[in-house]
Amino acid sequence: MAVSYNRLWKLLIDKGMTKTEMRKAAGISTNVLAKMGKNETVSMDTLARIAAVMECGLDDIVELTSDRKDVCNEI
């Protein structure tokens, strides 16, 4: 599984909030934010803090996708 935080970045734009503002409000470190910028996994606690600050659900900030290119191509 691959992780994407594109939904969070779009939500920040929609709410007129910077990544730094979100980071400070959620109480997460710059290192965690950097990991998210690289689409690396972070803890569920971190995601919950961000969701609380953004007043949204987890599925509004993170997307799990298959990292396989050929999913179900066989008949």
N, C-alpha and C. Protein backbone atom coordinates (compact mmCIF):
# COMPACT_ATOMS: atom_id res chain seq x y z
N MET A 1 0.83 -1.19 0.00
CA MET A 1 0.00 0.00 0.00
C MET A 1 0.87 1.25 0.00
N ALA A 2 0.44 2.19 -0.77
CA ALA A 2 1.11 3.49 -0.81
C ALA A 2 0.20 4.53 -0.16
N VAL A 3 0.79 5.53 0.44
CA VAL A 3 0.06 6.58 1.14
C VAL A 3 0.19 7.88 0.37
N SER A 4 -0.91 8.63 0.28
CA SER A 4 -0.88 9.94 -0.36
C SER A 4 -1.60 10.94 0.55
N TYR A 5 -0.99 12.09 0.73
CA TYR A 5 -1.57 13.16 1.54
C TYR A 5 -2.08 14.31 0.67
N ASN A 6 -2.27 14.05 -0.62
CA ASN A 6 -2.74 15.10 -1.53
C ASN A 6 -4.06 15.69 -1.09
N ARG A 7 -4.93 14.87 -0.49
CA ARG A 7 -6.21 15.38 -0.01
C ARG A 7 -6.01 16.43 1.08
N LEU A 8 -5.03 16.21 1.93
CA LEU A 8 -4.73 17.19 2.99
C LEU A 8 -4.22 18.48 2.39
N TRP A 9 -3.30 18.39 1.44
CA TRP A 9 -2.75 19.61 0.84
C TRP A 9 -3.85 20.42 0.16
N LYS A 10 -4.78 19.75 -0.51
CA LYS A 10 -5.90 20.45 -1.16
C LYS A 10 -6.81 21.08 -0.12
N LEU A 11 -7.05 20.37 0.98
CA LEU A 11 -7.90 20.89 2.04
C LEU A 11 -7.28 22.13 2.67
N LEU A 12 -5.98 22.13 2.85
CA LEU A 12 -5.29 23.31 3.39
C LEU A 12 -5.50 24.52 2.48
N ILE A 13 -5.39 24.30 1.18
CA ILE A 13 -5.60 25.39 0.22
C ILE A 13 -7.03 25.90 0.32
N ASP A 14 -7.99 24.97 0.36
CA ASP A 14 -9.40 25.35 0.44
C ASP A 14 -9.70 26.17 1.70
N LYS A 15 -9.03 25.84 2.81
CA LYS A 15 -9.26 26.55 4.07
C LYS A 15 -8.34 27.76 4.25
N GLY A 16 -7.46 28.00 3.28
CA GLY A 16 -6.55 29.14 3.36
C GLY A 16 -5.55 29.02 4.49
N MET A 17 -5.09 27.80 4.74
CA MET A 17 -4.18 27.54 5.85
C MET A 17 -2.84 27.04 5.29
N THR A 18 -1.75 27.48 5.90
CA THR A 18 -0.45 27.00 5.46
C THR A 18 -0.10 25.70 6.18
N LYS A 19 0.86 24.99 5.65
CA LYS A 19 1.33 23.76 6.29
C LYS A 19 1.90 24.06 7.67
N THR A 20 2.59 25.18 7.79
CA THR A 20 3.18 25.55 9.08
C THR A 20 2.10 25.85 10.11
N GLU A 21 1.05 26.55 9.70
CA GLU A 21 -0.06 26.84 10.61
C GLU A 21 -0.72 25.54 11.08
N MET A 22 -0.95 24.63 10.16
CA MET A 22 -1.55 23.35 10.49
C MET A 22 -0.64 22.56 11.42
N ARG A 23 0.65 22.56 11.12
CA ARG A 23 1.62 21.82 11.93
C ARG A 23 1.61 22.32 13.38
N LYS A 24 1.64 23.62 13.55
CA LYS A 24 1.65 24.19 14.90
C LYS A 24 0.34 23.91 15.63
N ALA A 25 -0.78 24.05 14.95
CA ALA A 25 -2.08 23.83 15.57
C ALA A 25 -2.26 22.37 15.99
N ALA A 26 -1.71 21.45 15.20
CA ALA A 26 -1.83 20.02 15.50
C ALA A 26 -0.75 19.54 16.47
N GLY A 27 0.26 20.35 16.67
CA GLY A 27 1.34 19.97 17.59
C GLY A 27 2.23 18.87 17.04
N ILE A 28 2.48 18.91 15.74
CA ILE A 28 3.37 17.91 15.12
C ILE A 28 4.70 18.56 14.76
N SER A 29 5.71 17.74 14.63
CA SER A 29 7.06 18.25 14.37
C SER A 29 7.28 18.53 12.89
N THR A 30 8.33 19.28 12.63
CA THR A 30 8.70 19.54 11.24
C THR A 30 9.14 18.25 10.55
N ASN A 31 9.72 17.33 11.32
CA ASN A 31 10.14 16.05 10.74
C ASN A 31 8.94 15.24 10.25
N VAL A 32 7.86 15.25 11.03
CA VAL A 32 6.65 14.52 10.63
C VAL A 32 6.07 15.17 9.38
N LEU A 33 6.04 16.48 9.35
CA LEU A 33 5.52 17.19 8.17
C LEU A 33 6.38 16.87 6.94
N ALA A 34 7.68 16.77 7.13
CA ALA A 34 8.57 16.42 6.01
C ALA A 34 8.29 15.01 5.51
N LYS A 35 8.03 14.08 6.42
CA LYS A 35 7.69 12.71 6.02
C LYS A 35 6.40 12.71 5.20
N MET A 36 5.44 13.51 5.62
CA MET A 36 4.18 13.60 4.89
C MET A 36 4.39 14.19 3.50
N GLY A 37 5.30 15.14 3.41
CA GLY A 37 5.62 15.74 2.11
C GLY A 37 6.21 14.74 1.14
N LYS A 38 6.80 13.66 1.68
CA LYS A 38 7.38 12.59 0.86
C LYS A 38 6.43 11.40 0.74
N ASN A 39 5.18 11.57 1.20
CA ASN A 39 4.18 10.50 1.19
C ASN A 39 4.65 9.26 1.93
N GLU A 40 5.31 9.48 3.06
CA GLU A 40 5.72 8.38 3.93
C GLU A 40 4.67 8.21 5.03
N THR A 41 4.62 7.06 5.64
CA THR A 41 3.63 6.81 6.68
C THR A 41 3.96 7.58 7.96
N VAL A 42 2.91 7.99 8.65
CA VAL A 42 3.03 8.63 9.96
C VAL A 42 2.06 7.93 10.91
N SER A 43 2.14 8.21 12.19
CA SER A 43 1.32 7.51 13.17
C SER A 43 -0.16 7.90 13.07
N MET A 44 -1.00 7.00 13.55
CA MET A 44 -2.43 7.26 13.59
C MET A 44 -2.72 8.44 14.51
N ASP A 45 -1.96 8.59 15.58
CA ASP A 45 -2.12 9.73 16.49
C ASP A 45 -1.92 11.04 15.74
N THR A 46 -0.90 11.09 14.90
CA THR A 46 -0.63 12.28 14.10
C THR A 46 -1.79 12.59 13.18
N LEU A 47 -2.29 11.57 12.49
CA LEU A 47 -3.41 11.77 11.57
C LEU A 47 -4.65 12.23 12.32
N ALA A 48 -4.89 11.68 13.51
CA ALA A 48 -6.04 12.07 14.32
C ALA A 48 -5.93 13.53 14.77
N ARG A 49 -4.74 13.96 15.15
CA ARG A 49 -4.53 15.36 15.55
C ARG A 49 -4.82 16.30 14.39
N ILE A 50 -4.33 15.94 13.21
CA ILE A 50 -4.55 16.78 12.03
C ILE A 50 -6.04 16.83 11.69
N ALA A 51 -6.70 15.68 11.73
CA ALA A 51 -8.13 15.63 11.42
C ALA A 51 -8.92 16.50 12.40
N ALA A 52 -8.53 16.49 13.67
CA ALA A 52 -9.21 17.32 14.67
C ALA A 52 -9.05 18.81 14.36
N VAL A 53 -7.83 19.20 14.01
CA VAL A 53 -7.55 20.60 13.69
C VAL A 53 -8.30 21.02 12.42
N MET A 54 -8.34 20.13 11.44
CA MET A 54 -8.98 20.46 10.17
C MET A 54 -10.49 20.23 10.21
N GLU A 55 -10.98 19.66 11.32
CA GLU A 55 -12.41 19.38 11.50
C GLU A 55 -12.94 18.52 10.35
N CYS A 56 -12.26 17.38 10.15
CA CYS A 56 -12.63 16.47 9.08
C CYS A 56 -12.32 15.04 9.48
N GLY A 57 -12.63 14.11 8.61
CA GLY A 57 -12.33 12.71 8.87
C GLY A 57 -10.98 12.32 8.31
N LEU A 58 -10.51 11.15 8.70
CA LEU A 58 -9.21 10.67 8.21
C LEU A 58 -9.20 10.51 6.70
N ASP A 59 -10.32 10.08 6.14
CA ASP A 59 -10.37 9.88 4.68
C ASP A 59 -10.33 11.20 3.92
N ASP A 60 -10.48 12.33 4.62
CA ASP A 60 -10.36 13.64 3.98
C ASP A 60 -8.92 14.12 3.89
N ILE A 61 -8.01 13.43 4.59
CA ILE A 61 -6.61 13.89 4.61
C ILE A 61 -5.62 12.88 4.08
N VAL A 62 -5.98 11.61 4.05
CA VAL A 62 -5.04 10.59 3.61
C VAL A 62 -5.75 9.60 2.69
N GLU A 63 -5.03 9.11 1.71
CA GLU A 63 -5.56 8.12 0.78
C GLU A 63 -4.58 6.96 0.69
N LEU A 64 -5.10 5.76 0.80
CA LEU A 64 -4.28 4.56 0.63
C LEU A 64 -4.52 4.02 -0.77
N THR A 65 -3.45 3.78 -1.49
CA THR A 65 -3.57 3.26 -2.84
C THR A 65 -2.68 2.04 -3.00
N SER A 66 -3.06 1.21 -3.93
CA SER A 66 -2.25 0.04 -4.22
C SER A 66 -1.00 0.49 -4.95
N ASP A 67 0.14 -0.07 -4.57
CA ASP A 67 1.37 0.29 -5.27
C ASP A 67 1.67 -0.68 -6.41
N ARG A 68 0.74 -1.62 -6.65
CA ARG A 68 0.88 -2.55 -7.77
C ARG A 68 0.37 -1.89 -9.03
N LYS A 69 1.05 -2.08 -10.13
CA LYS A 69 0.67 -1.49 -11.40
C LYS A 69 -0.36 -2.34 -12.14
N ASP A 70 -0.35 -3.64 -11.89
CA ASP A 70 -1.17 -4.56 -12.67
C ASP A 70 -2.26 -5.23 -11.83
N VAL A 71 -2.98 -4.46 -11.07
CA VAL A 71 -3.99 -5.03 -10.17
C VAL A 71 -5.15 -5.59 -10.99
N CYS A 72 -5.42 -6.85 -10.80
CA CYS A 72 -6.59 -7.53 -11.39
C CYS A 72 -6.69 -7.38 -12.91
N ASN A 73 -5.62 -7.49 -13.63
CA ASN A 73 -5.67 -7.42 -15.08
C ASN A 73 -5.92 -8.76 -15.73
N GLU A 74 -5.97 -9.82 -14.92
CA GLU A 74 -6.20 -11.14 -15.47
C GLU A 74 -7.67 -11.48 -15.46
N ILE A 75 -8.09 -12.27 -16.44
CA ILE A 75 -9.51 -12.69 -16.52
C ILE A 75 -9.69 -14.04 -15.89
